[in-house]
């Protein structure tokens, strides 16, 4: 909290969290007194946590499966909310990472927008740690254009400049601002 207040006081309005319970504990009170703040769920989201995310967050950056999409759609109806959502793509085809395979993206997007009425605004990726990240960021930019989406969530503290060069509209910078997590 002590790290967040100076940012709020200086006009910063977008904040990301990757742990649901931490976010609920930290942001529930803050958002009541600062309704203009926008909270982004940037971490892996489990279906059993969606009921806590929908009322508090404004964005979800990690939609990666149909079961999660259905749960988000259901909770949004219950809570009368319409979050902005990014589909997470496993751009490096890494088995240890979440995200849709590129080959499934078009059909998943159509199901989410047409059947579930989700507000999909863009794609998100976490590129492989090793290799040329710009290659993956450029690939994401092309995919985003093919689907005709405006926003692209990619780039973190170590590679955000490359992400911006490749069209990122949302970057996730935490450790450069707050330091490494303990």
N, C-alpha and C. Protein backbone atom coordinates (compact mmCIF):
# COMPACT_ATOMS: atom_id res chain seq x y z
N UNK A 1 0.82 -1.19 0.00
CA UNK A 1 0.00 0.00 0.00
C UNK A 1 0.87 1.25 0.00
N UNK A 2 1.92 1.25 0.77
CA UNK A 2 2.77 2.45 0.84
C UNK A 2 3.44 2.75 -0.50
N UNK A 3 3.65 1.70 -1.33
CA UNK A 3 4.25 1.93 -2.65
C UNK A 3 3.23 2.43 -3.65
N UNK A 4 1.96 2.13 -3.44
CA UNK A 4 0.90 2.46 -4.38
C UNK A 4 0.45 3.91 -4.24
N UNK A 5 0.32 4.39 -3.02
CA UNK A 5 -0.21 5.74 -2.79
C UNK A 5 0.53 6.84 -3.55
N UNK A 6 1.86 6.86 -3.55
CA UNK A 6 2.52 7.92 -4.33
C UNK A 6 2.18 7.87 -5.82
N UNK A 7 2.01 6.66 -6.35
CA UNK A 7 1.63 6.54 -7.76
C UNK A 7 0.23 7.10 -8.00
N UNK A 8 -0.70 6.76 -7.13
CA UNK A 8 -2.07 7.27 -7.26
C UNK A 8 -2.07 8.79 -7.14
N UNK A 9 -1.33 9.31 -6.17
CA UNK A 9 -1.27 10.76 -5.95
C UNK A 9 -0.67 11.50 -7.15
N UNK A 10 0.17 10.81 -7.92
CA UNK A 10 0.77 11.42 -9.11
C UNK A 10 0.02 11.11 -10.40
N UNK A 11 -1.20 10.57 -10.27
CA UNK A 11 -2.06 10.41 -11.43
C UNK A 11 -2.04 9.08 -12.14
N UNK A 12 -1.30 8.11 -11.63
CA UNK A 12 -1.29 6.79 -12.27
C UNK A 12 -2.61 6.10 -11.97
N UNK A 13 -3.25 5.52 -13.01
CA UNK A 13 -4.57 4.91 -12.77
C UNK A 13 -4.64 3.42 -13.09
N UNK A 14 -3.71 2.89 -13.85
CA UNK A 14 -3.75 1.47 -14.23
C UNK A 14 -2.76 0.67 -13.38
N UNK A 15 -3.26 -0.39 -12.75
CA UNK A 15 -2.44 -1.24 -11.89
C UNK A 15 -2.73 -2.70 -12.21
N UNK A 16 -1.70 -3.52 -12.18
CA UNK A 16 -1.85 -4.94 -12.45
C UNK A 16 -1.59 -5.78 -11.22
N UNK A 17 -2.28 -6.89 -11.15
CA UNK A 17 -2.07 -7.86 -10.08
C UNK A 17 -2.07 -9.25 -10.68
N UNK A 18 -1.27 -10.14 -10.11
CA UNK A 18 -1.27 -11.51 -10.62
C UNK A 18 -1.75 -12.53 -9.60
N UNK A 19 -2.08 -12.09 -8.41
CA UNK A 19 -2.61 -13.00 -7.39
C UNK A 19 -3.95 -12.45 -6.89
N UNK A 20 -4.99 -13.25 -7.07
CA UNK A 20 -6.35 -12.79 -6.79
C UNK A 20 -6.53 -12.40 -5.33
N UNK A 21 -6.16 -13.27 -4.40
CA UNK A 21 -6.41 -12.98 -2.99
C UNK A 21 -5.66 -11.74 -2.52
N UNK A 22 -4.41 -11.60 -2.96
CA UNK A 22 -3.65 -10.39 -2.62
C UNK A 22 -4.37 -9.15 -3.13
N UNK A 23 -4.86 -9.24 -4.35
CA UNK A 23 -5.55 -8.10 -4.96
C UNK A 23 -6.82 -7.74 -4.19
N UNK A 24 -7.60 -8.74 -3.83
CA UNK A 24 -8.84 -8.50 -3.08
C UNK A 24 -8.50 -7.80 -1.77
N UNK A 25 -7.50 -8.31 -1.06
CA UNK A 25 -7.10 -7.72 0.22
C UNK A 25 -6.59 -6.29 0.05
N UNK A 26 -5.84 -6.04 -1.00
CA UNK A 26 -5.19 -4.75 -1.21
C UNK A 26 -6.11 -3.71 -1.84
N UNK A 27 -6.92 -4.10 -2.82
CA UNK A 27 -7.61 -3.13 -3.67
C UNK A 27 -9.07 -2.88 -3.35
N UNK A 28 -9.72 -3.72 -2.60
CA UNK A 28 -11.15 -3.53 -2.35
C UNK A 28 -11.41 -2.15 -1.74
N UNK A 29 -10.69 -1.80 -0.72
CA UNK A 29 -10.87 -0.50 -0.06
C UNK A 29 -10.34 0.63 -0.93
N UNK A 30 -9.19 0.43 -1.55
CA UNK A 30 -8.59 1.49 -2.37
C UNK A 30 -9.54 1.89 -3.50
N UNK A 31 -10.13 0.90 -4.18
CA UNK A 31 -11.00 1.22 -5.31
C UNK A 31 -12.30 1.89 -4.88
N UNK A 32 -12.73 1.66 -3.65
CA UNK A 32 -13.94 2.36 -3.17
C UNK A 32 -13.69 3.86 -3.05
N UNK A 33 -12.49 4.22 -2.65
CA UNK A 33 -12.18 5.64 -2.50
C UNK A 33 -11.53 6.25 -3.75
N UNK A 34 -11.19 5.42 -4.70
CA UNK A 34 -10.60 5.89 -5.97
C UNK A 34 -11.26 5.13 -7.12
N UNK A 35 -12.51 5.45 -7.38
CA UNK A 35 -13.29 4.70 -8.37
C UNK A 35 -12.74 4.78 -9.78
N UNK A 36 -11.93 5.78 -10.06
CA UNK A 36 -11.36 5.96 -11.40
C UNK A 36 -10.21 4.99 -11.70
N UNK A 37 -9.69 4.32 -10.69
CA UNK A 37 -8.57 3.39 -10.91
C UNK A 37 -9.02 2.19 -11.72
N UNK A 38 -8.12 1.67 -12.54
CA UNK A 38 -8.38 0.50 -13.37
C UNK A 38 -7.44 -0.62 -12.93
N UNK A 39 -8.03 -1.76 -12.60
CA UNK A 39 -7.26 -2.89 -12.10
C UNK A 39 -7.23 -4.00 -13.14
N UNK A 40 -6.03 -4.50 -13.42
CA UNK A 40 -5.79 -5.51 -14.44
C UNK A 40 -5.38 -6.83 -13.79
N UNK A 41 -6.11 -7.90 -14.11
CA UNK A 41 -5.72 -9.25 -13.69
C UNK A 41 -4.75 -9.77 -14.74
N UNK A 42 -3.47 -9.86 -14.37
CA UNK A 42 -2.46 -10.25 -15.35
C UNK A 42 -1.93 -11.66 -15.14
N UNK A 43 -2.28 -12.27 -14.03
CA UNK A 43 -1.80 -13.62 -13.74
C UNK A 43 -2.76 -14.69 -14.22
N UNK A 44 -2.33 -15.92 -14.07
CA UNK A 44 -3.16 -17.08 -14.39
C UNK A 44 -4.43 -17.01 -13.55
N UNK A 45 -5.57 -17.17 -14.20
CA UNK A 45 -6.85 -17.09 -13.50
C UNK A 45 -7.52 -18.45 -13.50
N UNK A 46 -7.87 -18.92 -12.32
CA UNK A 46 -8.58 -20.18 -12.16
C UNK A 46 -10.08 -19.89 -12.09
N UNK A 47 -10.88 -20.83 -12.58
CA UNK A 47 -12.33 -20.61 -12.62
C UNK A 47 -12.91 -20.35 -11.23
N UNK A 48 -12.37 -20.97 -10.19
CA UNK A 48 -12.93 -20.77 -8.84
C UNK A 48 -12.63 -19.38 -8.28
N UNK A 49 -11.79 -18.60 -8.93
CA UNK A 49 -11.46 -17.24 -8.47
C UNK A 49 -12.21 -16.16 -9.26
N UNK A 50 -12.91 -16.56 -10.32
CA UNK A 50 -13.59 -15.59 -11.18
C UNK A 50 -14.60 -14.76 -10.40
N UNK A 51 -15.29 -15.36 -9.44
CA UNK A 51 -16.30 -14.64 -8.65
C UNK A 51 -15.70 -13.48 -7.86
N UNK A 52 -14.40 -13.54 -7.57
CA UNK A 52 -13.72 -12.45 -6.88
C UNK A 52 -13.15 -11.42 -7.86
N UNK A 53 -12.82 -11.87 -9.04
CA UNK A 53 -12.19 -11.01 -10.05
C UNK A 53 -13.19 -10.08 -10.72
N UNK A 54 -14.34 -10.61 -11.12
CA UNK A 54 -15.30 -9.81 -11.89
C UNK A 54 -15.74 -8.54 -11.16
N UNK A 55 -16.06 -8.57 -9.87
CA UNK A 55 -16.51 -7.32 -9.24
C UNK A 55 -15.39 -6.30 -8.99
N UNK A 56 -14.15 -6.74 -8.92
CA UNK A 56 -13.05 -5.86 -8.53
C UNK A 56 -12.22 -5.36 -9.71
N UNK A 57 -11.96 -6.23 -10.66
CA UNK A 57 -11.06 -5.90 -11.77
C UNK A 57 -11.81 -5.26 -12.94
N UNK A 58 -11.06 -4.59 -13.78
CA UNK A 58 -11.61 -3.96 -14.99
C UNK A 58 -11.12 -4.66 -16.25
N UNK A 59 -10.00 -5.34 -16.14
CA UNK A 59 -9.39 -6.05 -17.27
C UNK A 59 -8.95 -7.44 -16.82
N UNK A 60 -9.01 -8.38 -17.75
CA UNK A 60 -8.40 -9.70 -17.56
C UNK A 60 -7.48 -9.92 -18.74
N UNK A 61 -6.21 -10.21 -18.46
CA UNK A 61 -5.22 -10.38 -19.52
C UNK A 61 -4.92 -11.85 -19.81
N UNK A 62 -5.58 -12.78 -19.14
CA UNK A 62 -5.12 -14.17 -19.21
C UNK A 62 -6.23 -15.18 -19.51
N UNK A 63 -7.15 -14.82 -20.40
CA UNK A 63 -8.18 -15.78 -20.81
C UNK A 63 -7.54 -16.80 -21.74
N UNK A 64 -7.59 -18.08 -21.35
CA UNK A 64 -6.86 -19.08 -22.13
C UNK A 64 -7.60 -20.39 -22.35
N UNK A 65 -8.88 -20.48 -21.94
CA UNK A 65 -9.63 -21.72 -22.20
C UNK A 65 -11.12 -21.44 -22.14
N UNK A 66 -11.89 -22.34 -22.74
CA UNK A 66 -13.33 -22.12 -22.88
C UNK A 66 -14.05 -22.21 -21.54
N UNK A 67 -13.62 -23.08 -20.67
CA UNK A 67 -14.26 -23.18 -19.35
C UNK A 67 -14.15 -21.86 -18.58
N UNK A 68 -12.98 -21.25 -18.65
CA UNK A 68 -12.77 -19.95 -18.01
C UNK A 68 -13.63 -18.88 -18.68
N UNK A 69 -13.71 -18.90 -19.99
CA UNK A 69 -14.54 -17.94 -20.73
C UNK A 69 -16.00 -18.04 -20.31
N UNK A 70 -16.49 -19.26 -20.20
CA UNK A 70 -17.89 -19.47 -19.79
C UNK A 70 -18.14 -18.97 -18.37
N UNK A 71 -17.19 -19.20 -17.49
CA UNK A 71 -17.32 -18.76 -16.10
C UNK A 71 -17.30 -17.23 -16.02
N UNK A 72 -16.42 -16.60 -16.76
CA UNK A 72 -16.37 -15.14 -16.78
C UNK A 72 -17.70 -14.58 -17.31
N UNK A 73 -18.19 -15.14 -18.41
CA UNK A 73 -19.45 -14.68 -18.98
C UNK A 73 -20.59 -14.79 -17.97
N UNK A 74 -20.65 -15.91 -17.28
CA UNK A 74 -21.70 -16.14 -16.28
C UNK A 74 -21.61 -15.14 -15.13
N UNK A 75 -20.41 -14.93 -14.62
CA UNK A 75 -20.22 -14.01 -13.49
C UNK A 75 -20.50 -12.56 -13.90
N UNK A 76 -20.15 -12.20 -15.12
CA UNK A 76 -20.41 -10.84 -15.58
C UNK A 76 -21.92 -10.56 -15.62
N UNK A 77 -22.69 -11.56 -16.03
CA UNK A 77 -24.15 -11.40 -16.05
C UNK A 77 -24.66 -11.23 -14.62
N UNK A 78 -24.18 -12.08 -13.71
CA UNK A 78 -24.61 -12.00 -12.31
C UNK A 78 -24.29 -10.64 -11.68
N UNK A 79 -23.11 -10.12 -11.99
CA UNK A 79 -22.63 -8.89 -11.36
C UNK A 79 -22.91 -7.64 -12.20
N UNK A 80 -23.52 -7.83 -13.36
CA UNK A 80 -23.80 -6.71 -14.27
C UNK A 80 -22.53 -5.91 -14.57
N UNK A 81 -21.50 -6.62 -14.98
CA UNK A 81 -20.21 -6.01 -15.32
C UNK A 81 -19.79 -6.48 -16.71
N UNK A 82 -18.93 -5.71 -17.35
CA UNK A 82 -18.43 -6.06 -18.67
C UNK A 82 -16.95 -5.71 -18.73
N UNK A 83 -16.11 -6.64 -18.33
CA UNK A 83 -14.68 -6.40 -18.28
C UNK A 83 -14.07 -6.40 -19.68
N UNK A 84 -12.94 -5.75 -19.80
CA UNK A 84 -12.15 -5.79 -21.04
C UNK A 84 -11.20 -6.97 -20.91
N UNK A 85 -11.16 -7.79 -21.96
CA UNK A 85 -10.47 -9.08 -21.84
C UNK A 85 -9.48 -9.28 -22.99
N UNK A 86 -8.33 -9.83 -22.63
CA UNK A 86 -7.31 -10.26 -23.59
C UNK A 86 -7.26 -11.78 -23.62
N UNK A 87 -7.12 -12.33 -24.80
CA UNK A 87 -6.91 -13.77 -24.96
C UNK A 87 -5.41 -14.03 -24.89
N UNK A 88 -5.02 -14.91 -24.00
CA UNK A 88 -3.60 -15.27 -23.88
C UNK A 88 -3.24 -16.31 -24.93
N UNK A 89 -2.21 -16.02 -25.69
CA UNK A 89 -1.72 -16.91 -26.75
C UNK A 89 -0.38 -17.49 -26.32
N UNK A 90 -0.22 -18.78 -26.49
CA UNK A 90 1.06 -19.43 -26.20
C UNK A 90 1.92 -19.28 -27.46
N UNK A 91 2.47 -18.10 -27.61
CA UNK A 91 3.14 -17.70 -28.86
C UNK A 91 4.40 -18.52 -29.14
N UNK A 92 5.03 -19.04 -28.11
CA UNK A 92 6.23 -19.85 -28.30
C UNK A 92 5.95 -21.34 -28.31
N UNK A 93 4.68 -21.70 -28.25
CA UNK A 93 4.25 -23.10 -28.22
C UNK A 93 5.03 -23.88 -27.15
N UNK A 94 5.07 -23.30 -25.95
CA UNK A 94 5.81 -23.88 -24.83
C UNK A 94 4.85 -24.70 -23.96
N UNK A 95 5.13 -25.97 -23.76
CA UNK A 95 4.20 -26.82 -23.00
C UNK A 95 4.01 -26.39 -21.55
N UNK A 96 4.98 -25.72 -20.96
CA UNK A 96 4.88 -25.32 -19.56
C UNK A 96 4.09 -24.02 -19.38
N UNK A 97 3.72 -23.34 -20.47
CA UNK A 97 3.03 -22.06 -20.38
C UNK A 97 1.57 -22.19 -20.77
N UNK A 98 0.77 -21.35 -20.13
CA UNK A 98 -0.66 -21.26 -20.47
C UNK A 98 -0.81 -20.49 -21.78
N UNK A 99 -2.00 -20.55 -22.30
CA UNK A 99 -2.30 -19.80 -23.52
C UNK A 99 -2.81 -20.72 -24.61
N UNK A 100 -3.57 -20.13 -25.50
CA UNK A 100 -4.12 -20.87 -26.63
C UNK A 100 -3.06 -21.15 -27.67
N UNK A 101 -3.22 -22.26 -28.35
CA UNK A 101 -2.40 -22.50 -29.54
C UNK A 101 -2.89 -21.57 -30.64
N UNK A 102 -1.99 -21.12 -31.46
CA UNK A 102 -2.35 -20.21 -32.54
C UNK A 102 -3.44 -20.81 -33.43
N UNK A 103 -3.38 -22.10 -33.68
CA UNK A 103 -4.35 -22.75 -34.56
C UNK A 103 -5.77 -22.73 -33.99
N UNK A 104 -5.92 -22.55 -32.70
CA UNK A 104 -7.24 -22.52 -32.06
C UNK A 104 -7.79 -21.10 -31.87
N UNK A 105 -6.99 -20.11 -32.17
CA UNK A 105 -7.31 -18.73 -31.82
C UNK A 105 -8.58 -18.21 -32.50
N UNK A 106 -8.70 -18.36 -33.79
CA UNK A 106 -9.86 -17.80 -34.52
C UNK A 106 -11.17 -18.35 -33.98
N UNK A 107 -11.28 -19.67 -33.85
CA UNK A 107 -12.51 -20.28 -33.37
C UNK A 107 -12.81 -19.88 -31.92
N UNK A 108 -11.78 -19.84 -31.09
CA UNK A 108 -11.96 -19.44 -29.70
C UNK A 108 -12.47 -18.00 -29.62
N UNK A 109 -11.87 -17.12 -30.39
CA UNK A 109 -12.29 -15.71 -30.41
C UNK A 109 -13.76 -15.60 -30.82
N UNK A 110 -14.15 -16.30 -31.87
CA UNK A 110 -15.54 -16.25 -32.33
C UNK A 110 -16.50 -16.74 -31.26
N UNK A 111 -16.16 -17.84 -30.61
CA UNK A 111 -17.03 -18.38 -29.55
C UNK A 111 -17.16 -17.38 -28.40
N UNK A 112 -16.04 -16.79 -28.01
CA UNK A 112 -16.05 -15.83 -26.91
C UNK A 112 -16.88 -14.59 -27.22
N UNK A 113 -16.74 -14.07 -28.43
CA UNK A 113 -17.42 -12.82 -28.76
C UNK A 113 -18.86 -13.05 -29.22
N UNK A 114 -19.09 -14.07 -30.02
CA UNK A 114 -20.42 -14.26 -30.59
C UNK A 114 -21.37 -15.02 -29.65
N UNK A 115 -20.90 -16.09 -29.06
CA UNK A 115 -21.76 -16.89 -28.20
C UNK A 115 -21.78 -16.39 -26.75
N UNK A 116 -20.61 -16.08 -26.22
CA UNK A 116 -20.52 -15.68 -24.81
C UNK A 116 -20.60 -14.17 -24.59
N UNK A 117 -20.52 -13.42 -25.68
CA UNK A 117 -20.63 -11.95 -25.63
C UNK A 117 -19.56 -11.29 -24.75
N UNK A 118 -18.37 -11.89 -24.74
CA UNK A 118 -17.27 -11.30 -23.99
C UNK A 118 -16.67 -10.13 -24.77
N UNK A 119 -16.20 -9.14 -24.05
CA UNK A 119 -15.59 -7.96 -24.63
C UNK A 119 -14.09 -8.20 -24.82
N UNK A 120 -13.76 -8.92 -25.88
CA UNK A 120 -12.35 -9.22 -26.17
C UNK A 120 -11.75 -8.01 -26.88
N UNK A 121 -10.75 -7.40 -26.26
CA UNK A 121 -10.16 -6.20 -26.84
C UNK A 121 -8.79 -6.44 -27.45
N UNK A 122 -8.18 -7.60 -27.18
CA UNK A 122 -6.85 -7.85 -27.71
C UNK A 122 -6.30 -9.20 -27.32
N UNK A 123 -5.04 -9.39 -27.68
CA UNK A 123 -4.31 -10.61 -27.38
C UNK A 123 -3.20 -10.29 -26.38
N UNK A 124 -2.76 -11.32 -25.67
CA UNK A 124 -1.67 -11.19 -24.70
C UNK A 124 -0.72 -12.37 -24.87
N UNK A 125 0.56 -12.15 -24.63
CA UNK A 125 1.52 -13.25 -24.66
C UNK A 125 2.62 -13.04 -23.65
N UNK A 126 3.25 -14.15 -23.31
CA UNK A 126 4.49 -14.18 -22.54
C UNK A 126 5.47 -14.95 -23.43
N UNK A 127 6.35 -14.25 -24.12
CA UNK A 127 7.24 -14.95 -25.06
C UNK A 127 8.26 -15.81 -24.33
N UNK A 128 8.87 -16.75 -25.06
CA UNK A 128 9.95 -17.54 -24.45
C UNK A 128 11.03 -16.64 -23.89
N UNK A 129 11.61 -17.05 -22.77
CA UNK A 129 12.67 -16.24 -22.14
C UNK A 129 13.91 -16.17 -23.00
N UNK A 130 14.15 -17.23 -23.75
CA UNK A 130 15.37 -17.29 -24.54
C UNK A 130 15.01 -17.16 -26.01
N UNK A 131 15.78 -16.40 -26.71
CA UNK A 131 15.49 -16.20 -28.12
C UNK A 131 15.21 -14.73 -28.38
N UNK A 132 14.83 -14.46 -29.58
CA UNK A 132 14.58 -13.09 -29.99
C UNK A 132 13.12 -12.74 -29.70
N UNK A 133 12.89 -12.02 -28.61
CA UNK A 133 11.52 -11.71 -28.22
C UNK A 133 10.80 -10.89 -29.28
N UNK A 134 11.54 -10.08 -30.01
CA UNK A 134 10.90 -9.25 -31.04
C UNK A 134 10.23 -10.11 -32.11
N UNK A 135 10.79 -11.27 -32.39
CA UNK A 135 10.18 -12.18 -33.36
C UNK A 135 8.79 -12.60 -32.88
N UNK A 136 8.67 -12.92 -31.60
CA UNK A 136 7.39 -13.33 -31.03
C UNK A 136 6.42 -12.14 -30.93
N UNK A 137 6.94 -10.98 -30.55
CA UNK A 137 6.10 -9.80 -30.46
C UNK A 137 5.55 -9.42 -31.84
N UNK A 138 6.39 -9.50 -32.87
CA UNK A 138 5.92 -9.21 -34.22
C UNK A 138 4.84 -10.21 -34.66
N UNK A 139 5.03 -11.46 -34.31
CA UNK A 139 4.05 -12.49 -34.64
C UNK A 139 2.71 -12.18 -33.96
N UNK A 140 2.75 -11.73 -32.72
CA UNK A 140 1.54 -11.35 -32.00
C UNK A 140 0.85 -10.17 -32.66
N UNK A 141 1.64 -9.21 -33.10
CA UNK A 141 1.08 -8.04 -33.77
C UNK A 141 0.32 -8.44 -35.04
N UNK A 142 0.89 -9.37 -35.78
CA UNK A 142 0.24 -9.87 -37.00
C UNK A 142 -1.06 -10.59 -36.64
N UNK A 143 -1.03 -11.46 -35.64
CA UNK A 143 -2.23 -12.17 -35.20
C UNK A 143 -3.33 -11.20 -34.77
N UNK A 144 -2.94 -10.18 -34.03
CA UNK A 144 -3.90 -9.18 -33.56
C UNK A 144 -4.58 -8.48 -34.74
N UNK A 145 -3.79 -8.17 -35.78
CA UNK A 145 -4.34 -7.51 -36.96
C UNK A 145 -5.26 -8.44 -37.74
N UNK A 146 -4.90 -9.72 -37.82
CA UNK A 146 -5.73 -10.69 -38.54
C UNK A 146 -7.12 -10.76 -37.91
N UNK A 147 -7.17 -10.75 -36.59
CA UNK A 147 -8.45 -10.83 -35.89
C UNK A 147 -9.12 -9.46 -35.82
N UNK A 148 -8.38 -8.41 -36.15
CA UNK A 148 -8.88 -7.05 -36.18
C UNK A 148 -9.16 -6.51 -34.77
N UNK A 149 -8.19 -6.73 -33.89
CA UNK A 149 -8.28 -6.21 -32.52
C UNK A 149 -7.37 -5.00 -32.38
N UNK A 150 -7.71 -4.11 -31.48
CA UNK A 150 -6.94 -2.87 -31.33
C UNK A 150 -5.83 -2.94 -30.30
N UNK A 151 -6.01 -3.76 -29.27
CA UNK A 151 -5.05 -3.74 -28.17
C UNK A 151 -4.20 -5.00 -28.11
N UNK A 152 -3.01 -4.82 -27.57
CA UNK A 152 -2.03 -5.90 -27.50
C UNK A 152 -1.29 -5.78 -26.17
N UNK A 153 -1.40 -6.82 -25.34
CA UNK A 153 -0.78 -6.84 -24.02
C UNK A 153 0.46 -7.73 -24.08
N UNK A 154 1.61 -7.09 -24.10
CA UNK A 154 2.86 -7.85 -24.13
C UNK A 154 3.99 -6.94 -23.70
N UNK A 155 5.00 -7.56 -23.14
CA UNK A 155 6.15 -6.82 -22.67
C UNK A 155 6.10 -6.63 -21.17
N UNK A 156 7.23 -6.91 -20.54
CA UNK A 156 7.35 -6.73 -19.10
C UNK A 156 8.60 -5.89 -18.83
N UNK A 157 9.01 -5.81 -17.60
CA UNK A 157 10.10 -4.91 -17.21
C UNK A 157 11.36 -5.07 -18.05
N UNK A 158 11.67 -6.27 -18.48
CA UNK A 158 12.93 -6.50 -19.20
C UNK A 158 12.83 -6.32 -20.72
N UNK A 159 11.59 -6.39 -21.27
CA UNK A 159 11.48 -6.35 -22.73
C UNK A 159 10.39 -5.40 -23.25
N UNK A 160 9.94 -4.50 -22.39
CA UNK A 160 8.82 -3.65 -22.77
C UNK A 160 9.13 -2.71 -23.94
N UNK A 161 10.36 -2.28 -24.08
CA UNK A 161 10.69 -1.39 -25.21
C UNK A 161 10.54 -2.11 -26.54
N UNK A 162 10.97 -3.38 -26.60
CA UNK A 162 10.76 -4.18 -27.81
C UNK A 162 9.27 -4.39 -28.06
N UNK A 163 8.51 -4.62 -27.00
CA UNK A 163 7.07 -4.82 -27.14
C UNK A 163 6.39 -3.57 -27.71
N UNK A 164 6.78 -2.42 -27.21
CA UNK A 164 6.21 -1.16 -27.71
C UNK A 164 6.56 -0.98 -29.18
N UNK A 165 7.80 -1.28 -29.56
CA UNK A 165 8.21 -1.20 -30.97
C UNK A 165 7.35 -2.08 -31.87
N UNK A 166 6.83 -3.16 -31.31
CA UNK A 166 6.03 -4.12 -32.09
C UNK A 166 4.53 -3.91 -31.94
N UNK A 167 4.13 -2.83 -31.31
CA UNK A 167 2.71 -2.50 -31.27
C UNK A 167 1.98 -2.73 -29.97
N UNK A 168 2.68 -3.04 -28.88
CA UNK A 168 2.01 -3.24 -27.60
C UNK A 168 1.29 -1.96 -27.19
N UNK A 169 0.06 -2.12 -26.72
CA UNK A 169 -0.70 -0.98 -26.19
C UNK A 169 -0.79 -1.07 -24.66
N UNK A 170 -0.54 -2.25 -24.12
CA UNK A 170 -0.50 -2.46 -22.67
C UNK A 170 0.78 -3.22 -22.37
N UNK A 171 1.58 -2.68 -21.46
CA UNK A 171 2.80 -3.34 -21.02
C UNK A 171 2.68 -3.59 -19.52
N UNK A 172 3.36 -4.61 -19.06
CA UNK A 172 3.25 -5.01 -17.66
C UNK A 172 4.59 -4.79 -16.96
N UNK A 173 4.71 -3.63 -16.34
CA UNK A 173 5.97 -3.28 -15.69
C UNK A 173 5.75 -3.26 -14.18
N UNK A 174 6.36 -4.19 -13.50
CA UNK A 174 6.23 -4.26 -12.05
C UNK A 174 7.57 -4.10 -11.36
N UNK A 175 8.51 -4.98 -11.69
CA UNK A 175 9.78 -4.98 -10.96
C UNK A 175 10.60 -3.72 -11.20
N UNK A 176 10.44 -3.05 -12.33
CA UNK A 176 11.16 -1.79 -12.56
C UNK A 176 10.60 -0.66 -11.70
N UNK A 177 9.35 -0.81 -11.27
CA UNK A 177 8.74 0.21 -10.42
C UNK A 177 8.85 -0.17 -8.94
N UNK A 178 8.45 -1.41 -8.63
CA UNK A 178 8.34 -1.84 -7.23
C UNK A 178 9.50 -2.70 -6.75
N UNK A 179 10.39 -3.12 -7.66
CA UNK A 179 11.46 -4.03 -7.29
C UNK A 179 10.99 -5.48 -7.40
N UNK A 180 11.91 -6.40 -7.23
CA UNK A 180 11.60 -7.82 -7.32
C UNK A 180 10.68 -8.22 -6.19
N UNK A 181 9.79 -9.19 -6.49
CA UNK A 181 8.91 -9.74 -5.44
C UNK A 181 9.73 -10.55 -4.46
N UNK A 182 9.36 -10.46 -3.19
CA UNK A 182 10.08 -11.24 -2.18
C UNK A 182 9.43 -12.59 -2.01
